[in-house]
């Protein structure tokens, strides 16, 4: 995706006030920061953490849906699900490539995932118990991802912003695909509608948790916003997601599992919005720290895939070395 010549950043030995002010001035002027530009160490560290976590989430996110490939209800559904999983694998590769432009190797990033040092989205540590879960993941999980990711197309770091343009186009398709599955179930038999409602009940609150902790408890939010890595706060994005999703649920005839959900005309600067109940943050932090229902299974599956794919990586490396030798000889 990116030329290897772009990998390797300028190291600033001393981050003087003048340097930091000049860097912030570029950010404020909406200039893109490119791989070979001088940048603060904190900016680079924040990007590596965020892009790596994003890449890991795309790769791990293939697992809950892969659970239903062989059990999809029709050939059409199977083909669509396979295409979506393939897209997510591609998203992970785009993002690992973007992270590499910051001077970190893909091998290091994957090692941090497999050893549990790196995090991925907590949403993927929940099981997919029925076919309706696949529709709900597309509708809610990909919908929440889009809400998070569209502003990243204007991220101040050029490679990340450009990677997100294609990712968001494909994620938008995934969201529509999931909503169409939910529509088929909700407008189907009573049993199918009950299946859709059950999936919605289980995935609603974890989907709201995807936006991260409240702004007051977000360790990186304020600085990321100042550097324009992020454009909106966690709570702003969560509110946008709720306001967009409630009418969609109403159209389906499904009930969001929140008795405190209600319209408030005073929200959003008088434009109105939906107030919602309290999120179970104890559950959020428990899952983030590795105690979700599927945490151990997800990492075990990734480790197994990594080990079983060693021969492919070895073969690719041997082929590349052979091609290099032939090129040198000629």
C-alpha atoms as a PDB file:
ATOM      1  CA  UNK A   1       0.000   0.000   0.000  1.00  0.00           C
ATOM      2  CA  UNK A   2       2.834   2.384   0.823  1.00  0.00           C
ATOM      3  CA  UNK A   3       6.321   2.528  -0.582  1.00  0.00           C
ATOM      4  CA  UNK A   4       8.981   1.066   1.670  1.00  0.00           C
ATOM      5  CA  UNK A   5      10.846   4.316   1.059  1.00  0.00           C
ATOM      6  CA  UNK A   6       8.291   6.097   3.227  1.00  0.00           C
ATOM      7  CA  UNK A   7       9.082   3.998   6.278  1.00  0.00           C
ATOM      8  CA  UNK A   8      11.378   5.665   8.779  1.00  0.00           C
ATOM      9  CA  UNK A   9      10.593   8.958  10.454  1.00  0.00           C
ATOM     10  CA  UNK A  10      12.744  11.932  11.296  1.00  0.00           C
ATOM     11  CA  UNK A  11      13.892  11.778  14.896  1.00  0.00           C
ATOM     12  CA  UNK A  12      13.718  15.034  16.816  1.00  0.00           C
ATOM     13  CA  UNK A  13      16.428  15.029  19.462  1.00  0.00           C
ATOM     14  CA  UNK A  14      14.891  17.898  21.410  1.00  0.00           C
ATOM     15  CA  UNK A  15      11.238  18.871  21.218  1.00  0.00           C
ATOM     16  CA  UNK A  16      11.570  22.574  21.899  1.00  0.00           C
ATOM     17  CA  UNK A  17       8.585  24.844  22.437  1.00  0.00           C
ATOM     18  CA  UNK A  18       9.243  26.349  19.015  1.00  0.00           C
ATOM     19  CA  UNK A  19       9.128  22.906  17.370  1.00  0.00           C
ATOM     20  CA  UNK A  20       5.913  21.906  19.166  1.00  0.00           C
ATOM     21  CA  UNK A  21       4.279  25.240  18.328  1.00  0.00           C
ATOM     22  CA  UNK A  22       5.245  24.919  14.668  1.00  0.00           C
ATOM     23  CA  UNK A  23       3.903  21.360  14.556  1.00  0.00           C
ATOM     24  CA  UNK A  24       0.601  22.415  16.126  1.00  0.00           C
ATOM     25  CA  UNK A  25       0.371  25.290  13.665  1.00  0.00           C
ATOM     26  CA  UNK A  26       0.528  22.770  10.806  1.00  0.00           C
ATOM     27  CA  UNK A  27      -2.213  20.734  12.451  1.00  0.00           C
ATOM     28  CA  UNK A  28      -4.388  23.813  12.963  1.00  0.00           C
ATOM     29  CA  UNK A  29      -3.870  24.762   9.312  1.00  0.00           C
ATOM     30  CA  UNK A  30      -5.240  21.321   8.274  1.00  0.00           C
ATOM     31  CA  UNK A  31      -1.940  20.278   6.709  1.00  0.00           C
ATOM     32  CA  UNK A  32      -1.438  16.517   6.502  1.00  0.00           C
ATOM     33  CA  UNK A  33       1.509  15.077   8.404  1.00  0.00           C
ATOM     34  CA  UNK A  34       3.412  12.600   6.233  1.00  0.00           C
ATOM     35  CA  UNK A  35       5.762   9.746   7.276  1.00  0.00           C
ATOM     36  CA  UNK A  36       9.026  11.607   6.709  1.00  0.00           C
ATOM     37  CA  UNK A  37       7.867  14.775   8.461  1.00  0.00           C
ATOM     38  CA  UNK A  38       9.281  15.576  11.874  1.00  0.00           C
ATOM     39  CA  UNK A  39       6.674  14.902  14.539  1.00  0.00           C
ATOM     40  CA  UNK A  40       6.520  14.790  18.355  1.00  0.00           C
ATOM     41  CA  UNK A  41       7.220  11.409  19.909  1.00  0.00           C
ATOM     42  CA  UNK A  42       3.834  11.538  21.624  1.00  0.00           C
ATOM     43  CA  UNK A  43       2.050  12.060  18.312  1.00  0.00           C
ATOM     44  CA  UNK A  44       3.806   9.047  16.796  1.00  0.00           C
ATOM     45  CA  UNK A  45       3.147   6.892  19.884  1.00  0.00           C
ATOM     46  CA  UNK A  46      -0.542   7.809  19.918  1.00  0.00           C
ATOM     47  CA  UNK A  47      -0.904   6.963  16.235  1.00  0.00           C
ATOM     48  CA  UNK A  48       0.882   3.619  16.568  1.00  0.00           C
ATOM     49  CA  UNK A  49      -1.362   2.658  19.488  1.00  0.00           C
ATOM     50  CA  UNK A  50      -4.572   3.718  17.751  1.00  0.00           C
ATOM     51  CA  UNK A  51      -3.808   2.347  14.286  1.00  0.00           C
ATOM     52  CA  UNK A  52      -2.515  -0.943  15.707  1.00  0.00           C
ATOM     53  CA  UNK A  53      -5.602  -1.376  17.874  1.00  0.00           C
ATOM     54  CA  UNK A  54      -7.748  -0.612  14.837  1.00  0.00           C
ATOM     55  CA  UNK A  55      -5.866  -3.160  12.712  1.00  0.00           C
ATOM     56  CA  UNK A  56      -6.085  -5.827  15.426  1.00  0.00           C
ATOM     57  CA  UNK A  57      -9.828  -5.214  15.720  1.00  0.00           C
ATOM     58  CA  UNK A  58     -10.338  -5.807  12.008  1.00  0.00           C
ATOM     59  CA  UNK A  59      -8.420  -9.082  12.136  1.00  0.00           C
ATOM     60  CA  UNK A  60     -10.001 -10.400  15.338  1.00  0.00           C
ATOM     61  CA  UNK A  61     -13.375  -9.180  14.067  1.00  0.00           C
ATOM     62  CA  UNK A  62     -13.261 -11.842  11.357  1.00  0.00           C
ATOM     63  CA  UNK A  63     -13.646 -14.574  13.995  1.00  0.00           C
ATOM     64  CA  UNK A  64     -17.210 -14.097  15.308  1.00  0.00           C
ATOM     65  CA  UNK A  65     -18.538 -13.909  11.758  1.00  0.00           C
ATOM     66  CA  UNK A  66     -16.408 -16.810  10.562  1.00  0.00           C
ATOM     67  CA  UNK A  67     -18.313 -18.854  13.118  1.00  0.00           C
ATOM     68  CA  UNK A  68     -21.378 -18.669  10.823  1.00  0.00           C
ATOM     69  CA  UNK A  69     -19.916 -19.153   7.329  1.00  0.00           C
ATOM     70  CA  UNK A  70     -20.786 -22.860   7.201  1.00  0.00           C
ATOM     71  CA  UNK A  71     -24.208 -22.263   8.778  1.00  0.00           C
ATOM     72  CA  UNK A  72     -25.446 -19.310   6.733  1.00  0.00           C
ATOM     73  CA  UNK A  73     -29.080 -19.932   5.705  1.00  0.00           C
ATOM     74  CA  UNK A  74     -28.477 -19.712   1.948  1.00  0.00           C
ATOM     75  CA  UNK A  75     -25.716 -19.686  -0.643  1.00  0.00           C
ATOM     76  CA  UNK A  76     -26.337 -15.970  -1.204  1.00  0.00           C
ATOM     77  CA  UNK A  77     -25.888 -15.237   2.498  1.00  0.00           C
ATOM     78  CA  UNK A  78     -22.765 -17.394   2.629  1.00  0.00           C
ATOM     79  CA  UNK A  79     -21.172 -15.570  -0.326  1.00  0.00           C
ATOM     80  CA  UNK A  80     -21.983 -12.159   1.145  1.00  0.00           C
ATOM     81  CA  UNK A  81     -20.581 -13.123   4.537  1.00  0.00           C
ATOM     82  CA  UNK A  82     -17.383 -14.483   2.991  1.00  0.00           C
ATOM     83  CA  UNK A  83     -16.962 -11.243   1.032  1.00  0.00           C
ATOM     84  CA  UNK A  84     -17.393  -9.213   4.203  1.00  0.00           C
ATOM     85  CA  UNK A  85     -14.835 -11.280   6.114  1.00  0.00           C
ATOM     86  CA  UNK A  86     -12.405 -10.857   3.216  1.00  0.00           C
ATOM     87  CA  UNK A  87     -12.934  -7.090   3.347  1.00  0.00           C
ATOM     88  CA  UNK A  88     -12.123  -7.040   7.051  1.00  0.00           C
ATOM     89  CA  UNK A  89      -8.890  -8.933   6.467  1.00  0.00           C
ATOM     90  CA  UNK A  90      -7.989  -6.337   3.848  1.00  0.00           C
ATOM     91  CA  UNK A  91      -8.752  -3.508   6.264  1.00  0.00           C
ATOM     92  CA  UNK A  92      -6.330  -5.009   8.749  1.00  0.00           C
ATOM     93  CA  UNK A  93      -3.615  -5.127   6.086  1.00  0.00           C
ATOM     94  CA  UNK A  94      -4.203  -1.488   5.064  1.00  0.00           C
ATOM     95  CA  UNK A  95      -3.921  -0.418   8.672  1.00  0.00           C
ATOM     96  CA  UNK A  96      -0.812  -2.475   9.451  1.00  0.00           C
ATOM     97  CA  UNK A  97       0.760  -0.850   6.384  1.00  0.00           C
ATOM     98  CA  UNK A  98      -0.179   2.600   7.665  1.00  0.00           C
ATOM     99  CA  UNK A  99       1.335   1.772  11.068  1.00  0.00           C
ATOM    100  CA  UNK A 100       4.556   0.612   9.408  1.00  0.00           C
ATOM    101  CA  UNK A 101       5.049   4.113   7.985  1.00  0.00           C
ATOM    102  CA  UNK A 102       5.549   5.232  11.595  1.00  0.00           C
ATOM    103  CA  UNK A 103       8.631   3.030  11.942  1.00  0.00           C
ATOM    104  CA  UNK A 104       7.094   0.016  13.686  1.00  0.00           C
ATOM    105  CA  UNK A 105       7.227  -3.438  12.098  1.00  0.00           C
ATOM    106  CA  UNK A 106       4.176  -5.551  11.385  1.00  0.00           C
ATOM    107  CA  UNK A 107       5.850  -8.473  13.140  1.00  0.00           C
ATOM    108  CA  UNK A 108       6.121  -6.435  16.339  1.00  0.00           C
ATOM    109  CA  UNK A 109       2.482  -5.371  16.150  1.00  0.00           C
ATOM    110  CA  UNK A 110       1.245  -8.934  15.620  1.00  0.00           C
ATOM    111  CA  UNK A 111       3.473 -10.228  18.411  1.00  0.00           C
ATOM    112  CA  UNK A 112       1.947  -7.669  20.776  1.00  0.00           C
ATOM    113  CA  UNK A 113      -1.529  -8.850  19.803  1.00  0.00           C
ATOM    114  CA  UNK A 114      -0.717 -12.539  20.285  1.00  0.00           C
ATOM    115  CA  UNK A 115       0.945 -11.963  23.674  1.00  0.00           C
ATOM    116  CA  UNK A 116      -1.974  -9.893  24.930  1.00  0.00           C
ATOM    117  CA  UNK A 117       0.049  -6.688  25.220  1.00  0.00           C
ATOM    118  CA  UNK A 118      -2.000  -4.918  22.558  1.00  0.00           C
ATOM    119  CA  UNK A 119      -5.753  -4.401  22.739  1.00  0.00           C
ATOM    120  CA  UNK A 120      -8.534  -4.737  20.200  1.00  0.00           C
ATOM    121  CA  UNK A 121     -12.175  -3.663  20.356  1.00  0.00           C
ATOM    122  CA  UNK A 122     -13.975  -5.238  23.320  1.00  0.00           C
ATOM    123  CA  UNK A 123     -17.041  -5.893  21.122  1.00  0.00           C
ATOM    124  CA  UNK A 124     -15.404  -8.957  19.570  1.00  0.00           C
ATOM    125  CA  UNK A 125     -15.224 -10.745  22.908  1.00  0.00           C
ATOM    126  CA  UNK A 126     -18.939 -11.542  22.788  1.00  0.00           C
ATOM    127  CA  UNK A 127     -20.221 -14.787  21.197  1.00  0.00           C
ATOM    128  CA  UNK A 128     -22.396 -15.048  18.083  1.00  0.00           C
ATOM    129  CA  UNK A 129     -25.218 -17.326  19.200  1.00  0.00           C
ATOM    130  CA  UNK A 130     -27.607 -17.120  16.234  1.00  0.00           C
ATOM    131  CA  UNK A 131     -27.742 -16.029  12.606  1.00  0.00           C
ATOM    132  CA  UNK A 132     -29.425 -12.811  13.769  1.00  0.00           C
ATOM    133  CA  UNK A 133     -26.156 -11.917  15.510  1.00  0.00           C
ATOM    134  CA  UNK A 134     -24.540 -11.568  12.083  1.00  0.00           C
ATOM    135  CA  UNK A 135     -27.202  -9.067  11.064  1.00  0.00           C
ATOM    136  CA  UNK A 136     -26.890  -7.208  14.354  1.00  0.00           C
ATOM    137  CA  UNK A 137     -23.096  -7.013  14.045  1.00  0.00           C
ATOM    138  CA  UNK A 138     -23.445  -5.510  10.591  1.00  0.00           C
ATOM    139  CA  UNK A 139     -26.147  -3.074  11.665  1.00  0.00           C
ATOM    140  CA  UNK A 140     -24.857  -2.005  15.089  1.00  0.00           C
ATOM    141  CA  UNK A 141     -21.166  -2.902  15.296  1.00  0.00           C
ATOM    142  CA  UNK A 142     -20.281  -1.776  11.782  1.00  0.00           C
ATOM    143  CA  UNK A 143     -22.643   1.177  12.229  1.00  0.00           C
ATOM    144  CA  UNK A 144     -20.747   2.241  15.354  1.00  0.00           C
ATOM    145  CA  UNK A 145     -17.454   1.660  13.520  1.00  0.00           C
ATOM    146  CA  UNK A 146     -18.561   3.942  10.683  1.00  0.00           C
ATOM    147  CA  UNK A 147     -19.520   6.645  13.171  1.00  0.00           C
ATOM    148  CA  UNK A 148     -16.007   6.383  14.605  1.00  0.00           C
ATOM    149  CA  UNK A 149     -14.178   6.040  11.324  1.00  0.00           C
ATOM    150  CA  UNK A 150     -15.671   8.601   8.948  1.00  0.00           C
ATOM    151  CA  UNK A 151     -14.011  11.459  10.895  1.00  0.00           C
ATOM    152  CA  UNK A 152     -10.724   9.543  10.601  1.00  0.00           C
ATOM    153  CA  UNK A 153     -10.807  10.222   6.842  1.00  0.00           C
ATOM    154  CA  UNK A 154      -9.818  13.755   7.926  1.00  0.00           C
ATOM    155  CA  UNK A 155      -7.191  12.563  10.414  1.00  0.00           C
ATOM    156  CA  UNK A 156      -4.097  14.770  10.481  1.00  0.00           C
ATOM    157  CA  UNK A 157      -1.817  11.827   9.627  1.00  0.00           C
ATOM    158  CA  UNK A 158      -1.937  11.323   5.878  1.00  0.00           C
ATOM    159  CA  UNK A 159      -1.467   7.533   5.497  1.00  0.00           C
ATOM    160  CA  UNK A 160      -4.125   6.784   8.127  1.00  0.00           C
ATOM    161  CA  UNK A 161      -6.601   9.250   6.610  1.00  0.00           C
ATOM    162  CA  UNK A 162      -6.142   7.857   3.101  1.00  0.00           C
ATOM    163  CA  UNK A 163      -6.483   4.246   4.257  1.00  0.00           C
ATOM    164  CA  UNK A 164      -9.758   5.105   5.972  1.00  0.00           C
ATOM    165  CA  UNK A 165     -11.417   6.345   2.782  1.00  0.00           C
ATOM    166  CA  UNK A 166     -11.657   2.856   1.320  1.00  0.00           C
ATOM    167  CA  UNK A 167     -12.293   1.239   4.704  1.00  0.00           C
ATOM    168  CA  UNK A 168     -15.310   3.479   5.298  1.00  0.00           C
ATOM    169  CA  UNK A 169     -16.779   2.782   1.862  1.00  0.00           C
ATOM    170  CA  UNK A 170     -16.646  -0.947   2.523  1.00  0.00           C
ATOM    171  CA  UNK A 171     -17.870  -0.627   6.107  1.00  0.00           C
ATOM    172  CA  UNK A 172     -20.889   1.312   4.848  1.00  0.00           C
ATOM    173  CA  UNK A 173     -21.741  -1.660   2.642  1.00  0.00           C
ATOM    174  CA  UNK A 174     -21.336  -4.003   5.611  1.00  0.00           C
ATOM    175  CA  UNK A 175     -23.728  -1.897   7.672  1.00  0.00           C
ATOM    176  CA  UNK A 176     -26.372  -1.987   4.940  1.00  0.00           C
ATOM    177  CA  UNK A 177     -25.858  -5.731   4.552  1.00  0.00           C
ATOM    178  CA  UNK A 178     -26.432  -6.278   8.273  1.00  0.00           C
ATOM    179  CA  UNK A 179     -29.507  -4.067   8.349  1.00  0.00           C
ATOM    180  CA  UNK A 180     -30.975  -5.978   5.394  1.00  0.00           C
ATOM    181  CA  UNK A 181     -30.538  -9.245   7.329  1.00  0.00           C
ATOM    182  CA  UNK A 182     -32.314  -7.708  10.325  1.00  0.00           C
ATOM    183  CA  UNK A 183     -35.079  -6.410   8.072  1.00  0.00           C
ATOM    184  CA  UNK A 184     -35.655  -9.882   6.626  1.00  0.00           C
ATOM    185  CA  UNK A 185     -35.890 -11.347  10.123  1.00  0.00           C
ATOM    186  CA  UNK A 186     -37.977  -8.551  11.657  1.00  0.00           C
ATOM    187  CA  UNK A 187     -40.504  -8.696   8.804  1.00  0.00           C
ATOM    188  CA  UNK A 188     -40.478 -12.503   8.720  1.00  0.00           C
ATOM    189  CA  UNK A 189     -42.129 -15.021  11.011  1.00  0.00           C
ATOM    190  CA  UNK A 190     -42.727 -14.414  14.709  1.00  0.00           C
ATOM    191  CA  UNK A 191     -39.867 -16.763  15.483  1.00  0.00           C
ATOM    192  CA  UNK A 192     -37.525 -14.853  13.168  1.00  0.00           C
ATOM    193  CA  UNK A 193     -38.524 -11.521  14.710  1.00  0.00           C
ATOM    194  CA  UNK A 194     -37.939 -12.950  18.189  1.00  0.00           C
ATOM    195  CA  UNK A 195     -34.470 -14.054  17.072  1.00  0.00           C
ATOM    196  CA  UNK A 196     -33.735 -10.524  15.832  1.00  0.00           C
ATOM    197  CA  UNK A 197     -34.967  -8.993  19.097  1.00  0.00           C
ATOM    198  CA  UNK A 198     -32.857 -11.389  21.156  1.00  0.00           C
ATOM    199  CA  UNK A 199     -29.723 -10.460  19.203  1.00  0.00           C
ATOM    200  CA  UNK A 200     -30.490  -6.753  19.584  1.00  0.00           C
ATOM    201  CA  UNK A 201     -30.926  -7.199  23.334  1.00  0.00           C
ATOM    202  CA  UNK A 202     -27.481  -8.764  23.647  1.00  0.00           C
ATOM    203  CA  UNK A 203     -25.520  -6.439  21.318  1.00  0.00           C
ATOM    204  CA  UNK A 204     -26.998  -3.013  22.064  1.00  0.00           C
ATOM    205  CA  UNK A 205     -25.009  -2.121  25.184  1.00  0.00           C
ATOM    206  CA  UNK A 206     -21.679  -3.593  23.976  1.00  0.00           C
ATOM    207  CA  UNK A 207     -22.141  -1.502  20.809  1.00  0.00           C
ATOM    208  CA  UNK A 208     -22.419   1.674  22.898  1.00  0.00           C
ATOM    209  CA  UNK A 209     -19.270   0.643  24.755  1.00  0.00           C
ATOM    210  CA  UNK A 210     -17.375   0.589  21.436  1.00  0.00           C
ATOM    211  CA  UNK A 211     -16.947   4.362  21.595  1.00  0.00           C
ATOM    212  CA  UNK A 212     -14.793   4.040  24.688  1.00  0.00           C
ATOM    213  CA  UNK A 213     -15.142   5.486  28.183  1.00  0.00           C
ATOM    214  CA  UNK A 214     -16.751   8.802  29.010  1.00  0.00           C
ATOM    215  CA  UNK A 215     -14.731  11.820  27.932  1.00  0.00           C
ATOM    216  CA  UNK A 216     -13.886  12.586  31.557  1.00  0.00           C
ATOM    217  CA  UNK A 217     -12.175   9.181  31.835  1.00  0.00           C
ATOM    218  CA  UNK A 218     -10.526   9.029  28.412  1.00  0.00           C
ATOM    219  CA  UNK A 219      -6.753   9.091  28.874  1.00  0.00           C
ATOM    220  CA  UNK A 220      -5.901  10.095  25.298  1.00  0.00           C
ATOM    221  CA  UNK A 221      -9.004  11.867  24.014  1.00  0.00           C
ATOM    222  CA  UNK A 222      -8.142  15.504  24.652  1.00  0.00           C
ATOM    223  CA  UNK A 223      -4.633  15.322  23.176  1.00  0.00           C
ATOM    224  CA  UNK A 224      -5.809  13.250  20.192  1.00  0.00           C
ATOM    225  CA  UNK A 225      -8.431  15.890  19.469  1.00  0.00           C
ATOM    226  CA  UNK A 226      -5.879  18.697  19.719  1.00  0.00           C
ATOM    227  CA  UNK A 227      -3.660  16.886  17.222  1.00  0.00           C
ATOM    228  CA  UNK A 228      -6.746  16.215  15.052  1.00  0.00           C
ATOM    229  CA  UNK A 229      -6.175  12.504  15.091  1.00  0.00           C
ATOM    230  CA  UNK A 230      -9.739  12.437  16.401  1.00  0.00           C
ATOM    231  CA  UNK A 231     -12.368  14.981  15.384  1.00  0.00           C
ATOM    232  CA  UNK A 232     -15.092  14.159  17.915  1.00  0.00           C
ATOM    233  CA  UNK A 233     -15.064  12.976  21.509  1.00  0.00           C
ATOM    234  CA  UNK A 234     -16.244   9.537  22.628  1.00  0.00           C
ATOM    235  CA  UNK A 235     -19.481  10.890  24.081  1.00  0.00           C
ATOM    236  CA  UNK A 236     -20.244  12.990  20.995  1.00  0.00           C
ATOM    237  CA  UNK A 237     -19.875   9.980  18.713  1.00  0.00           C
ATOM    238  CA  UNK A 238     -21.928   7.770  21.031  1.00  0.00           C
ATOM    239  CA  UNK A 239     -24.746  10.329  21.013  1.00  0.00           C
ATOM    240  CA  UNK A 240     -24.655  10.549  17.204  1.00  0.00           C
ATOM    241  CA  UNK A 241     -24.885   6.767  16.993  1.00  0.00           C
ATOM    242  CA  UNK A 242     -27.873   6.538  19.335  1.00  0.00           C
ATOM    243  CA  UNK A 243     -29.721   9.325  17.514  1.00  0.00           C
ATOM    244  CA  UNK A 244     -29.158   7.591  14.157  1.00  0.00           C
ATOM    245  CA  UNK A 245     -30.037   4.089  15.350  1.00  0.00           C
ATOM    246  CA  UNK A 246     -33.281   4.644  17.275  1.00  0.00           C
ATOM    247  CA  UNK A 247     -35.349   5.453  14.125  1.00  0.00           C
ATOM    248  CA  UNK A 248     -33.872   2.419  12.373  1.00  0.00           C
ATOM    249  CA  UNK A 249     -34.989   0.151  15.226  1.00  0.00           C
ATOM    250  CA  UNK A 250     -38.444   1.728  15.192  1.00  0.00           C
ATOM    251  CA  UNK A 251     -38.787   1.007  11.469  1.00  0.00           C
ATOM    252  CA  UNK A 252     -37.924  -2.642  12.116  1.00  0.00           C
ATOM    253  CA  UNK A 253     -40.483  -2.828  14.902  1.00  0.00           C
ATOM    254  CA  UNK A 254     -37.759  -3.832  17.364  1.00  0.00           C
ATOM    255  CA  UNK A 255     -37.348  -2.480  20.893  1.00  0.00           C
ATOM    256  CA  UNK A 256     -34.007  -1.177  22.132  1.00  0.00           C
ATOM    257  CA  UNK A 257     -33.289  -2.728  25.557  1.00  0.00           C
ATOM    258  CA  UNK A 258     -33.170   0.561  27.448  1.00  0.00           C
ATOM    259  CA  UNK A 259     -36.171   1.623  29.554  1.00  0.00           C
ATOM    260  CA  UNK A 260     -34.556   5.040  30.089  1.00  0.00           C
ATOM    261  CA  UNK A 261     -34.355   5.821  26.376  1.00  0.00           C
ATOM    262  CA  UNK A 262     -36.391   8.948  25.573  1.00  0.00           C
ATOM    263  CA  UNK A 263     -36.419  11.952  23.273  1.00  0.00           C
ATOM    264  CA  UNK A 264     -35.050  15.209  24.704  1.00  0.00           C
ATOM    265  CA  UNK A 265     -35.562  18.330  22.598  1.00  0.00           C
ATOM    266  CA  UNK A 266     -32.837  20.183  24.526  1.00  0.00           C
ATOM    267  CA  UNK A 267     -29.974  17.945  23.363  1.00  0.00           C
ATOM    268  CA  UNK A 268     -27.617  18.727  20.482  1.00  0.00           C
ATOM    269  CA  UNK A 269     -27.871  22.500  20.889  1.00  0.00           C
ATOM    270  CA  UNK A 270     -31.630  22.448  20.789  1.00  0.00           C
ATOM    271  CA  UNK A 271     -31.877  20.152  17.763  1.00  0.00           C
ATOM    272  CA  UNK A 272     -32.997  17.270  19.957  1.00  0.00           C
ATOM    273  CA  UNK A 273     -31.699  13.782  20.591  1.00  0.00           C
ATOM    274  CA  UNK A 274     -32.222  10.653  22.642  1.00  0.00           C
ATOM    275  CA  UNK A 275     -31.190  10.367  26.250  1.00  0.00           C
ATOM    276  CA  UNK A 276     -30.179   6.823  27.155  1.00  0.00           C
ATOM    277  CA  UNK A 277     -29.515   4.835  30.302  1.00  0.00           C
ATOM    278  CA  UNK A 278     -26.316   4.163  32.198  1.00  0.00           C
ATOM    279  CA  UNK A 279     -23.708   1.940  30.554  1.00  0.00           C
ATOM    280  CA  UNK A 280     -22.280  -0.877  32.659  1.00  0.00           C
ATOM    281  CA  UNK A 281     -18.690   0.344  32.744  1.00  0.00           C
ATOM    282  CA  UNK A 282     -17.673  -2.439  35.133  1.00  0.00           C
ATOM    283  CA  UNK A 283     -18.474  -4.910  32.367  1.00  0.00           C
ATOM    284  CA  UNK A 284     -16.614  -2.790  29.817  1.00  0.00           C
ATOM    285  CA  UNK A 285     -13.385  -2.693  31.826  1.00  0.00           C
ATOM    286  CA  UNK A 286     -13.667  -6.370  32.748  1.00  0.00           C
ATOM    287  CA  UNK A 287     -13.866  -7.352  29.077  1.00  0.00           C
ATOM    288  CA  UNK A 288     -11.094  -4.924  28.082  1.00  0.00           C
ATOM    289  CA  UNK A 289      -8.835  -6.462  30.730  1.00  0.00           C
ATOM    290  CA  UNK A 290      -9.361  -9.962  29.329  1.00  0.00           C
ATOM    291  CA  UNK A 291     -12.294 -11.416  31.237  1.00  0.00           C
ATOM    292  CA  UNK A 292     -14.959 -11.447  28.527  1.00  0.00           C
ATOM    293  CA  UNK A 293     -16.745 -14.606  27.436  1.00  0.00           C
ATOM    294  CA  UNK A 294     -14.579 -14.975  24.335  1.00  0.00           C
ATOM    295  CA  UNK A 295     -11.277 -13.235  25.186  1.00  0.00           C
ATOM    296  CA  UNK A 296      -9.262 -16.419  25.600  1.00  0.00           C
ATOM    297  CA  UNK A 297     -10.899 -18.133  22.629  1.00  0.00           C
ATOM    298  CA  UNK A 298     -10.224 -15.187  20.321  1.00  0.00           C
ATOM    299  CA  UNK A 299      -6.521 -15.028  21.196  1.00  0.00           C
ATOM    300  CA  UNK A 300      -6.195 -18.810  21.002  1.00  0.00           C
ATOM    301  CA  UNK A 301      -7.714 -18.770  17.506  1.00  0.00           C
ATOM    302  CA  UNK A 302      -5.354 -16.020  16.363  1.00  0.00           C
ATOM    303  CA  UNK A 303      -2.319 -17.847  17.781  1.00  0.00           C
ATOM    304  CA  UNK A 304      -3.340 -21.061  16.040  1.00  0.00           C
ATOM    305  CA  UNK A 305      -3.832 -19.262  12.726  1.00  0.00           C
ATOM    306  CA  UNK A 306      -0.451 -17.553  13.110  1.00  0.00           C
ATOM    307  CA  UNK A 307       1.340 -20.810  13.827  1.00  0.00           C
ATOM    308  CA  UNK A 308      -0.389 -22.724  11.040  1.00  0.00           C
ATOM    309  CA  UNK A 309       0.394 -19.918   8.587  1.00  0.00           C
ATOM    310  CA  UNK A 310       4.125 -19.938   9.311  1.00  0.00           C
ATOM    311  CA  UNK A 311       4.854 -22.006   6.177  1.00  0.00           C
ATOM    312  CA  UNK A 312       3.098 -19.392   4.007  1.00  0.00           C
ATOM    313  CA  UNK A 313       5.232 -16.592   5.444  1.00  0.00           C
ATOM    314  CA  UNK A 314       8.380 -18.683   5.029  1.00  0.00           C
ATOM    315  CA  UNK A 315       7.485 -19.500   1.411  1.00  0.00           C
ATOM    316  CA  UNK A 316       6.767 -15.850   0.620  1.00  0.00           C
ATOM    317  CA  UNK A 317      10.076 -14.777   2.154  1.00  0.00           C
ATOM    318  CA  UNK A 318      11.968 -17.451   0.217  1.00  0.00           C
ATOM    319  CA  UNK A 319      10.286 -16.416  -3.033  1.00  0.00           C
ATOM    320  CA  UNK A 320      11.094 -12.748  -2.416  1.00  0.00           C
ATOM    321  CA  UNK A 321      14.732 -13.619  -1.702  1.00  0.00           C
ATOM    322  CA  UNK A 322      14.932 -15.700  -4.878  1.00  0.00           C
ATOM    323  CA  UNK A 323      13.448 -12.889  -6.968  1.00  0.00           C
ATOM    324  CA  UNK A 324      15.937 -10.443  -5.451  1.00  0.00           C
ATOM    325  CA  UNK A 325      18.827 -12.750  -6.350  1.00  0.00           C
ATOM    326  CA  UNK A 326      17.587 -13.115  -9.928  1.00  0.00           C
ATOM    327  CA  UNK A 327      17.212  -9.370 -10.251  1.00  0.00           C
ATOM    328  CA  UNK A 328      20.711  -8.798  -8.927  1.00  0.00           C
ATOM    329  CA  UNK A 329      22.172 -11.444 -11.235  1.00  0.00           C
ATOM    330  CA  UNK A 330      20.516  -9.904 -14.295  1.00  0.00           C
END
